[in-house]
Every structure is written in structure tokens, then in C-alpha cells.
């Protein structure tokens, strides 16, 4: 038997495993990493929600501009300031030959309220043959003091 390999000669050099301090440091590093990942996930959800609101505002603006182009003769009837609505009576889509600008706008305000919240507003303006739609909504719902976000689109008739 080789004396250099005997358990008595190996002593402390032969011990394996981790000390309590090493384990605590590893747990601390893991906790900081997981906390950073949770913060990243939270920010991702916020930015995804913001992108969704911008997409909804863009779609609503272009839809309204398309409706105005289709109904050019009564384009002036769409001009005005609008506040989003979620009333059940306003949320019935008008159909048929009796579709007026007022009925369309009532339905459009309801869709705007469902997509962007009850505090969303819209402003439709006309300057000669150019129509402009501005939609404003509270994008940062987690921060009540934040400025509202506005999307604007325009077209020529």
C-alpha cells in the first residue's frame, strides 16, 4: 500500500463539498438574477401593452379616415371632438342603408373605448380637403401623472 494515498496522509486536502458561506453567496447571486429577470418580464408586459394601444389607435384612425373617404359628401359631419364610450346602447353596430355619420361615430366611440379605455378622446378636423384624426389615450396606466399619448393621421379627400 502506498503511504501517500492513505486517508491519514490526505488530511484536509481531501475534503470535498461547499461551505455554508459559499452556498449563501450562490443563493444571493441566484436571487439577484431572478429579481432582474422578474423586472425584465414586467417591463416587457408594459411595452407590449403600450404597443397594443398604439396599434389599436392606428387602426381606429385609419378606419375612420377610410369611412370619411367613402362618405366624402358628408365629410364635414365627422368633424368634432369625441370621448370614448362603453355604454351597451352605443355598442350596437349600425347596419343597412340608413347608416349615418352620427350612427357610425357612436359605434366608433364605443370601439375606441373598448380598445383604449374610457378616458380616450378623439379630435377630427378638416382643413380644406385634408382630414385629420387625433386620438389621445392614457398609455401609462401604472403612472397616473404621466402625459397622455396622441396618435395623429391625416388624408386628403
N, C-alpha and C. Protein backbone atom coordinates (compact mmCIF):
# COMPACT_ATOMS: atom_id res chain seq x y z
N UNK A 1 0.84 -1.17 0.00
CA UNK A 1 0.00 0.00 0.00
C UNK A 1 0.88 1.24 0.00
N UNK A 2 0.50 2.18 -0.77
CA UNK A 2 1.26 3.41 -0.92
C UNK A 2 0.91 4.35 0.24
N UNK A 3 1.90 4.81 1.06
CA UNK A 3 1.58 5.64 2.22
C UNK A 3 1.07 7.02 1.83
N UNK A 4 1.39 7.51 0.64
CA UNK A 4 0.90 8.84 0.25
C UNK A 4 -0.58 8.85 -0.08
N UNK A 5 -1.16 7.69 -0.23
CA UNK A 5 -2.59 7.63 -0.58
C UNK A 5 -3.44 7.21 0.62
N UNK A 6 -2.89 7.03 1.71
CA UNK A 6 -3.68 6.59 2.85
C UNK A 6 -4.54 7.75 3.34
N UNK A 7 -5.73 7.49 3.90
CA UNK A 7 -6.63 8.53 4.36
C UNK A 7 -5.99 9.43 5.42
N UNK A 8 -5.07 8.90 6.22
CA UNK A 8 -4.45 9.71 7.25
C UNK A 8 -3.55 10.78 6.66
N UNK A 9 -2.92 10.51 5.57
CA UNK A 9 -1.97 11.43 4.98
C UNK A 9 -2.71 12.54 4.21
N UNK A 10 -3.88 12.23 3.60
CA UNK A 10 -4.60 13.22 2.79
C UNK A 10 -5.07 14.40 3.64
N UNK A 11 -5.55 14.16 4.82
CA UNK A 11 -5.97 15.23 5.74
C UNK A 11 -7.04 16.12 5.13
N UNK A 12 -6.88 17.45 5.30
CA UNK A 12 -7.89 18.42 4.87
C UNK A 12 -7.90 18.61 3.36
N UNK A 13 -6.80 18.33 2.71
CA UNK A 13 -6.77 18.48 1.25
C UNK A 13 -7.76 17.55 0.57
N UNK A 14 -8.14 16.51 1.14
CA UNK A 14 -9.02 15.53 0.53
C UNK A 14 -10.49 15.83 0.73
N UNK A 15 -10.85 16.81 1.56
CA UNK A 15 -12.25 17.10 1.80
C UNK A 15 -12.89 17.70 0.55
N UNK A 16 -14.17 17.41 0.32
CA UNK A 16 -14.91 17.98 -0.81
C UNK A 16 -16.18 18.63 -0.31
N UNK A 17 -16.88 19.29 -1.22
CA UNK A 17 -18.14 19.93 -0.85
C UNK A 17 -17.99 21.44 -0.72
N UNK A 18 -19.09 22.09 -0.30
CA UNK A 18 -19.14 23.54 -0.19
C UNK A 18 -19.30 23.95 1.27
N UNK A 19 -18.82 25.11 1.57
CA UNK A 19 -19.04 25.66 2.91
C UNK A 19 -20.36 26.42 2.90
N UNK A 20 -20.84 26.74 4.07
CA UNK A 20 -22.11 27.46 4.20
C UNK A 20 -22.01 28.85 3.55
N UNK A 21 -20.88 29.50 3.68
CA UNK A 21 -20.69 30.83 3.08
C UNK A 21 -20.81 30.74 1.55
N UNK A 22 -20.19 29.74 0.97
CA UNK A 22 -20.26 29.59 -0.49
C UNK A 22 -21.69 29.36 -0.96
N UNK A 23 -22.43 28.56 -0.22
CA UNK A 23 -23.84 28.29 -0.57
C UNK A 23 -24.65 29.57 -0.46
N UNK A 24 -24.43 30.35 0.59
CA UNK A 24 -25.19 31.59 0.77
C UNK A 24 -24.87 32.60 -0.35
N UNK A 25 -23.64 32.68 -0.76
CA UNK A 25 -23.27 33.58 -1.85
C UNK A 25 -23.92 33.12 -3.16
N UNK A 26 -23.93 31.82 -3.39
CA UNK A 26 -24.56 31.29 -4.60
C UNK A 26 -26.06 31.59 -4.61
N UNK A 27 -26.72 31.45 -3.46
CA UNK A 27 -28.15 31.76 -3.36
C UNK A 27 -28.39 33.25 -3.58
N UNK A 28 -27.52 34.09 -3.05
CA UNK A 28 -27.65 35.54 -3.24
C UNK A 28 -27.51 35.92 -4.72
N UNK A 29 -26.53 35.35 -5.40
CA UNK A 29 -26.35 35.62 -6.83
C UNK A 29 -27.56 35.15 -7.62
N UNK A 30 -28.07 33.98 -7.29
CA UNK A 30 -29.26 33.46 -7.97
C UNK A 30 -30.47 34.36 -7.72
N UNK A 31 -30.64 34.85 -6.49
CA UNK A 31 -31.78 35.72 -6.16
C UNK A 31 -31.71 37.03 -6.93
N UNK A 32 -30.51 37.62 -7.02
CA UNK A 32 -30.36 38.87 -7.78
C UNK A 32 -30.68 38.63 -9.26
N UNK A 33 -30.23 37.52 -9.78
CA UNK A 33 -30.53 37.19 -11.18
C UNK A 33 -32.02 37.00 -11.42
N UNK A 34 -32.69 36.30 -10.53
CA UNK A 34 -34.14 36.10 -10.67
C UNK A 34 -34.91 37.40 -10.51
N UNK A 35 -34.46 38.26 -9.62
CA UNK A 35 -35.11 39.56 -9.44
C UNK A 35 -34.97 40.40 -10.71
N UNK A 36 -33.80 40.39 -11.31
CA UNK A 36 -33.59 41.09 -12.58
C UNK A 36 -34.48 40.53 -13.68
N UNK A 37 -34.61 39.22 -13.72
CA UNK A 37 -35.47 38.60 -14.73
C UNK A 37 -36.93 38.99 -14.52
N UNK A 38 -37.38 39.05 -13.26
CA UNK A 38 -38.76 39.46 -12.98
C UNK A 38 -39.00 40.90 -13.42
N UNK A 39 -38.04 41.78 -13.17
CA UNK A 39 -38.16 43.18 -13.61
C UNK A 39 -38.21 43.26 -15.13
N UNK A 40 -37.38 42.48 -15.80
CA UNK A 40 -37.39 42.44 -17.26
C UNK A 40 -38.74 41.97 -17.79
N UNK A 41 -39.32 40.98 -17.16
CA UNK A 41 -40.62 40.47 -17.58
C UNK A 41 -41.71 41.53 -17.38
N UNK A 42 -41.68 42.25 -16.27
CA UNK A 42 -42.65 43.31 -16.01
C UNK A 42 -42.56 44.40 -17.06
N UNK A 43 -41.35 44.83 -17.38
CA UNK A 43 -41.17 45.87 -18.40
C UNK A 43 -41.63 45.37 -19.77
N UNK A 44 -41.40 44.11 -20.06
CA UNK A 44 -41.85 43.54 -21.33
C UNK A 44 -43.37 43.60 -21.45
N UNK A 45 -44.06 43.29 -20.38
CA UNK A 45 -45.53 43.35 -20.39
C UNK A 45 -45.99 44.79 -20.61
N UNK A 46 -45.35 45.75 -19.95
CA UNK A 46 -45.72 47.16 -20.12
C UNK A 46 -45.52 47.61 -21.57
N UNK A 47 -44.38 47.29 -22.14
CA UNK A 47 -44.10 47.72 -23.51
C UNK A 47 -45.02 47.02 -24.52
N UNK A 48 -45.36 45.77 -24.25
CA UNK A 48 -46.29 45.06 -25.13
C UNK A 48 -47.67 45.71 -25.08
N UNK A 49 -48.11 46.09 -23.88
CA UNK A 49 -49.41 46.77 -23.74
C UNK A 49 -49.38 48.11 -24.45
N UNK A 50 -48.30 48.84 -24.32
CA UNK A 50 -48.18 50.14 -24.99
C UNK A 50 -48.22 49.96 -26.50
N UNK A 51 -47.52 48.97 -27.01
CA UNK A 51 -47.53 48.71 -28.46
C UNK A 51 -48.93 48.32 -28.94
N UNK A 52 -49.64 47.57 -28.12
CA UNK A 52 -51.01 47.19 -28.48
C UNK A 52 -51.91 48.43 -28.56
N UNK A 53 -51.78 49.35 -27.60
CA UNK A 53 -52.58 50.57 -27.63
C UNK A 53 -52.27 51.40 -28.88
N UNK A 54 -51.01 51.50 -29.22
CA UNK A 54 -50.63 52.26 -30.42
C UNK A 54 -51.20 51.61 -31.68
N UNK A 55 -51.17 50.31 -31.72
CA UNK A 55 -51.74 49.60 -32.88
C UNK A 55 -53.24 49.83 -32.96
N UNK A 56 -53.93 49.76 -31.82
CA UNK A 56 -55.38 49.99 -31.82
C UNK A 56 -55.71 51.41 -32.25
N UNK A 57 -54.94 52.39 -31.76
CA UNK A 57 -55.19 53.79 -32.15
C UNK A 57 -54.94 53.98 -33.64
N UNK A 58 -53.90 53.36 -34.17
CA UNK A 58 -53.62 53.45 -35.60
C UNK A 58 -54.75 52.85 -36.42
N UNK A 59 -55.20 51.67 -36.03
CA UNK A 59 -56.29 51.01 -36.76
C UNK A 59 -57.58 51.82 -36.70
N UNK A 60 -57.90 52.35 -35.53
CA UNK A 60 -59.12 53.16 -35.40
C UNK A 60 -59.04 54.43 -36.25
N UNK A 61 -57.89 55.07 -36.27
CA UNK A 61 -57.72 56.30 -37.07
C UNK A 61 -57.88 56.02 -38.54
N UNK A 62 -57.20 55.00 -39.03
CA UNK A 62 -57.28 54.69 -40.46
C UNK A 62 -58.66 54.20 -40.86
N UNK A 63 -59.32 53.48 -39.95
CA UNK A 63 -60.69 53.04 -40.24
C UNK A 63 -61.62 54.23 -40.39
N UNK A 64 -61.49 55.21 -39.48
CA UNK A 64 -62.33 56.40 -39.56
C UNK A 64 -62.02 57.19 -40.83
N UNK A 65 -60.75 57.33 -41.17
CA UNK A 65 -60.40 58.05 -42.39
C UNK A 65 -60.93 57.34 -43.63
N UNK A 66 -60.91 56.02 -43.63
CA UNK A 66 -61.50 55.27 -44.75
C UNK A 66 -62.99 55.52 -44.84
N UNK A 67 -63.66 55.54 -43.69
CA UNK A 67 -65.11 55.81 -43.69
C UNK A 67 -65.40 57.21 -44.22
N UNK A 68 -64.58 58.17 -43.85
CA UNK A 68 -64.78 59.54 -44.32
C UNK A 68 -64.56 59.61 -45.83
N UNK A 69 -63.53 58.91 -46.32
CA UNK A 69 -63.29 58.91 -47.78
C UNK A 69 -64.44 58.26 -48.55
N UNK A 70 -65.03 57.24 -47.95
CA UNK A 70 -66.17 56.58 -48.60
C UNK A 70 -67.37 57.52 -48.64
N UNK A 71 -67.53 58.32 -47.61
CA UNK A 71 -68.69 59.20 -47.47
C UNK A 71 -68.25 60.67 -47.62
N UNK A 72 -67.52 60.98 -48.69
CA UNK A 72 -66.94 62.32 -48.88
C UNK A 72 -67.97 63.43 -48.89
N UNK A 73 -69.14 63.16 -49.39
CA UNK A 73 -70.16 64.19 -49.49
C UNK A 73 -70.51 64.73 -48.10
N UNK A 74 -70.52 63.86 -47.11
CA UNK A 74 -70.87 64.27 -45.75
C UNK A 74 -69.64 64.28 -44.83
N UNK A 75 -68.47 64.53 -45.38
CA UNK A 75 -67.23 64.52 -44.60
C UNK A 75 -67.27 65.51 -43.44
N UNK A 76 -67.92 66.64 -43.64
CA UNK A 76 -68.00 67.65 -42.59
C UNK A 76 -68.75 67.14 -41.36
N UNK A 77 -69.64 66.16 -41.56
CA UNK A 77 -70.43 65.62 -40.44
C UNK A 77 -69.56 64.87 -39.44
N UNK A 78 -68.37 64.45 -39.84
CA UNK A 78 -67.48 63.70 -38.94
C UNK A 78 -66.60 64.62 -38.09
N UNK A 79 -66.51 65.88 -38.44
CA UNK A 79 -65.65 66.82 -37.72
C UNK A 79 -66.20 67.06 -36.32
N UNK A 80 -65.29 67.02 -35.33
CA UNK A 80 -65.71 67.27 -33.96
C UNK A 80 -64.79 66.62 -32.95
N UNK A 81 -65.11 66.81 -31.68
CA UNK A 81 -64.39 66.20 -30.57
C UNK A 81 -65.23 65.07 -30.02
N UNK A 82 -64.58 63.93 -29.76
CA UNK A 82 -65.30 62.74 -29.32
C UNK A 82 -64.64 62.17 -28.08
N UNK A 83 -65.45 61.64 -27.18
CA UNK A 83 -64.97 60.96 -25.99
C UNK A 83 -65.39 59.50 -26.08
N UNK A 84 -64.51 58.61 -25.70
CA UNK A 84 -64.80 57.18 -25.77
C UNK A 84 -66.00 56.83 -24.90
N UNK A 85 -66.70 55.81 -25.32
CA UNK A 85 -67.89 55.36 -24.60
C UNK A 85 -67.87 53.84 -24.54
N UNK A 86 -68.40 53.30 -23.46
CA UNK A 86 -68.55 51.85 -23.37
C UNK A 86 -69.98 51.48 -22.97
N UNK A 87 -70.92 52.41 -23.16
CA UNK A 87 -72.32 52.13 -22.86
C UNK A 87 -72.84 51.03 -23.79
N UNK A 88 -73.62 50.12 -23.23
CA UNK A 88 -74.14 49.00 -24.01
C UNK A 88 -74.99 49.47 -25.19
N UNK A 89 -75.74 50.55 -25.01
CA UNK A 89 -76.58 51.07 -26.08
C UNK A 89 -75.78 51.63 -27.25
N UNK A 90 -74.58 52.12 -26.96
CA UNK A 90 -73.73 52.68 -28.01
C UNK A 90 -72.96 51.61 -28.77
N UNK A 91 -72.91 50.43 -28.22
CA UNK A 91 -72.06 49.39 -28.79
C UNK A 91 -72.79 48.45 -29.74
N UNK A 92 -73.85 48.90 -30.33
CA UNK A 92 -74.56 48.11 -31.32
C UNK A 92 -74.21 48.67 -32.70
N UNK A 93 -73.52 47.87 -33.48
CA UNK A 93 -73.06 48.33 -34.79
C UNK A 93 -74.24 48.56 -35.72
N UNK A 94 -74.31 49.75 -36.31
CA UNK A 94 -75.40 50.04 -37.25
C UNK A 94 -75.16 49.34 -38.58
N UNK A 95 -76.22 48.93 -39.19
CA UNK A 95 -76.12 48.27 -40.50
C UNK A 95 -77.23 48.79 -41.40
N UNK A 96 -77.13 48.45 -42.66
CA UNK A 96 -78.19 48.77 -43.60
C UNK A 96 -77.99 50.09 -44.30
N UNK A 97 -79.02 50.49 -45.03
CA UNK A 97 -78.95 51.68 -45.87
C UNK A 97 -79.05 52.97 -45.06
N UNK A 98 -79.50 52.90 -43.82
CA UNK A 98 -79.70 54.11 -43.02
C UNK A 98 -78.48 54.43 -42.15
N UNK A 99 -77.31 54.02 -42.56
CA UNK A 99 -76.09 54.29 -41.81
C UNK A 99 -75.71 55.75 -42.00
N UNK A 100 -75.78 56.50 -40.91
CA UNK A 100 -75.43 57.92 -40.97
C UNK A 100 -74.08 58.13 -40.28
N UNK A 101 -73.53 59.31 -40.47
CA UNK A 101 -72.25 59.63 -39.82
C UNK A 101 -72.40 59.59 -38.30
N UNK A 102 -73.52 60.06 -37.78
CA UNK A 102 -73.73 60.06 -36.33
C UNK A 102 -73.81 58.64 -35.77
N UNK A 103 -74.52 57.75 -36.46
CA UNK A 103 -74.61 56.36 -36.00
C UNK A 103 -73.24 55.68 -36.08
N UNK A 104 -72.52 55.95 -37.15
CA UNK A 104 -71.19 55.36 -37.30
C UNK A 104 -70.27 55.85 -36.17
N UNK A 105 -70.30 57.14 -35.87
CA UNK A 105 -69.43 57.70 -34.85
C UNK A 105 -69.79 57.17 -33.46
N UNK A 106 -71.06 56.92 -33.19
CA UNK A 106 -71.47 56.35 -31.91
C UNK A 106 -70.84 54.97 -31.74
N UNK A 107 -70.90 54.16 -32.79
CA UNK A 107 -70.28 52.83 -32.74
C UNK A 107 -68.76 52.95 -32.66
N UNK A 108 -68.19 53.87 -33.39
CA UNK A 108 -66.73 54.05 -33.41
C UNK A 108 -66.22 54.47 -32.02
N UNK A 109 -66.96 55.37 -31.34
CA UNK A 109 -66.58 55.79 -29.99
C UNK A 109 -66.60 54.62 -29.03
N UNK A 110 -67.54 53.72 -29.19
CA UNK A 110 -67.62 52.54 -28.34
C UNK A 110 -66.41 51.64 -28.57
N UNK A 111 -66.05 51.42 -29.83
CA UNK A 111 -64.87 50.59 -30.13
C UNK A 111 -63.60 51.26 -29.61
N UNK A 112 -63.53 52.58 -29.67
CA UNK A 112 -62.38 53.30 -29.14
C UNK A 112 -62.31 53.11 -27.62
N UNK A 113 -63.44 53.17 -26.95
CA UNK A 113 -63.46 52.98 -25.50
C UNK A 113 -63.04 51.59 -25.09
N UNK A 114 -63.48 50.59 -25.84
CA UNK A 114 -63.10 49.21 -25.52
C UNK A 114 -61.62 48.96 -25.79
N UNK A 115 -61.08 49.60 -26.81
CA UNK A 115 -59.68 49.36 -27.17
C UNK A 115 -58.70 50.18 -26.34
N UNK A 116 -59.05 51.45 -26.03
CA UNK A 116 -58.10 52.36 -25.40
C UNK A 116 -58.52 52.84 -24.02
N UNK A 117 -59.69 52.47 -23.56
CA UNK A 117 -60.16 52.90 -22.25
C UNK A 117 -61.16 54.03 -22.34
N UNK A 118 -61.91 54.21 -21.28
CA UNK A 118 -62.98 55.20 -21.25
C UNK A 118 -62.49 56.63 -21.31
N UNK A 119 -61.24 56.87 -20.97
CA UNK A 119 -60.72 58.24 -20.97
C UNK A 119 -60.13 58.65 -22.31
N UNK A 120 -60.19 57.79 -23.30
CA UNK A 120 -59.64 58.13 -24.61
C UNK A 120 -60.51 59.18 -25.28
N UNK A 121 -59.87 60.05 -26.04
CA UNK A 121 -60.59 61.09 -26.78
C UNK A 121 -60.09 61.12 -28.22
N UNK A 122 -60.91 61.69 -29.08
CA UNK A 122 -60.53 61.84 -30.48
C UNK A 122 -60.96 63.21 -30.97
N UNK A 123 -60.20 63.73 -31.89
CA UNK A 123 -60.50 65.02 -32.49
C UNK A 123 -60.38 64.84 -34.00
N UNK A 124 -61.46 65.14 -34.68
CA UNK A 124 -61.48 65.05 -36.14
C UNK A 124 -61.58 66.47 -36.68
N UNK A 125 -60.63 66.83 -37.51
CA UNK A 125 -60.61 68.18 -38.06
C UNK A 125 -60.51 68.17 -39.57
N UNK A 126 -60.91 69.29 -40.15
CA UNK A 126 -60.85 69.43 -41.60
C UNK A 126 -60.23 70.77 -41.94
N UNK A 127 -59.29 70.73 -42.87
CA UNK A 127 -58.67 71.94 -43.37
C UNK A 127 -58.67 71.84 -44.90
N UNK A 128 -59.68 72.44 -45.51
CA UNK A 128 -59.82 72.31 -46.96
C UNK A 128 -60.19 70.89 -47.33
N UNK A 129 -59.35 70.24 -48.13
CA UNK A 129 -59.63 68.86 -48.50
C UNK A 129 -58.80 67.87 -47.67
N UNK A 130 -58.21 68.32 -46.57
CA UNK A 130 -57.43 67.43 -45.72
C UNK A 130 -58.17 67.17 -44.41
N UNK A 131 -58.33 65.88 -44.10
CA UNK A 131 -58.98 65.44 -42.86
C UNK A 131 -57.91 64.89 -41.93
N UNK A 132 -58.01 65.24 -40.65
CA UNK A 132 -57.05 64.78 -39.65
C UNK A 132 -57.79 64.16 -38.48
N UNK A 133 -57.29 63.02 -38.02
CA UNK A 133 -57.85 62.34 -36.85
C UNK A 133 -56.74 62.25 -35.81
N UNK A 134 -57.00 62.76 -34.61
CA UNK A 134 -56.06 62.66 -33.49
C UNK A 134 -56.74 61.88 -32.38
N UNK A 135 -56.09 60.82 -31.93
CA UNK A 135 -56.61 60.02 -30.83
C UNK A 135 -55.64 60.13 -29.66
N UNK A 136 -56.19 60.42 -28.49
CA UNK A 136 -55.38 60.59 -27.28
C UNK A 136 -55.87 59.61 -26.22
N UNK A 137 -54.94 58.95 -25.55
CA UNK A 137 -55.28 58.00 -24.51
C UNK A 137 -54.18 57.96 -23.46
N UNK A 138 -54.52 57.46 -22.29
CA UNK A 138 -53.56 57.30 -21.20
C UNK A 138 -52.80 56.00 -21.37
N UNK A 139 -51.58 56.10 -21.89
CA UNK A 139 -50.80 54.91 -22.20
C UNK A 139 -50.17 54.30 -20.96
N UNK A 140 -49.73 55.12 -20.04
CA UNK A 140 -49.04 54.63 -18.85
C UNK A 140 -50.02 54.56 -17.69
N UNK A 141 -50.80 53.53 -17.66
CA UNK A 141 -51.84 53.39 -16.63
C UNK A 141 -51.24 53.13 -15.25
N UNK A 142 -50.01 52.68 -15.19
CA UNK A 142 -49.35 52.45 -13.91
C UNK A 142 -48.80 53.74 -13.33
N UNK A 143 -48.78 54.82 -14.14
CA UNK A 143 -48.28 56.11 -13.69
C UNK A 143 -49.34 57.17 -13.99
N UNK A 144 -50.20 57.50 -13.02
CA UNK A 144 -51.30 58.43 -13.30
C UNK A 144 -50.84 59.85 -13.63
N UNK A 145 -49.61 60.22 -13.29
CA UNK A 145 -49.11 61.57 -13.56
C UNK A 145 -48.46 61.69 -14.94
N UNK A 146 -48.39 60.59 -15.69
CA UNK A 146 -47.73 60.61 -16.99
C UNK A 146 -48.60 61.34 -18.02
N UNK A 147 -47.94 61.93 -19.01
CA UNK A 147 -48.66 62.59 -20.09
C UNK A 147 -49.39 61.57 -20.95
N UNK A 148 -50.51 61.99 -21.53
CA UNK A 148 -51.24 61.12 -22.44
C UNK A 148 -50.50 60.99 -23.76
N UNK A 149 -50.76 59.89 -24.44
CA UNK A 149 -50.15 59.63 -25.74
C UNK A 149 -51.14 60.01 -26.83
N UNK A 150 -50.67 60.63 -27.90
CA UNK A 150 -51.53 61.05 -29.00
C UNK A 150 -51.00 60.48 -30.30
N UNK A 151 -51.92 59.92 -31.08
CA UNK A 151 -51.60 59.46 -32.42
C UNK A 151 -52.41 60.30 -33.40
N UNK A 152 -51.77 60.73 -34.47
CA UNK A 152 -52.44 61.58 -35.45
C UNK A 152 -52.24 61.00 -36.84
N UNK A 153 -53.32 60.99 -37.62
CA UNK A 153 -53.24 60.54 -39.02
C UNK A 153 -54.10 61.49 -39.85
N UNK A 154 -53.70 61.70 -41.09
CA UNK A 154 -54.47 62.59 -41.96
C UNK A 154 -54.49 62.04 -43.37
N UNK A 155 -55.45 62.54 -44.14
CA UNK A 155 -55.61 62.13 -45.53
C UNK A 155 -56.24 63.26 -46.32
N UNK A 156 -56.04 63.24 -47.59
CA UNK A 156 -56.70 64.20 -48.48
C UNK A 156 -57.93 63.53 -49.09
N UNK A 157 -58.98 64.30 -49.21
CA UNK A 157 -60.21 63.78 -49.81
C UNK A 157 -60.15 63.90 -51.32
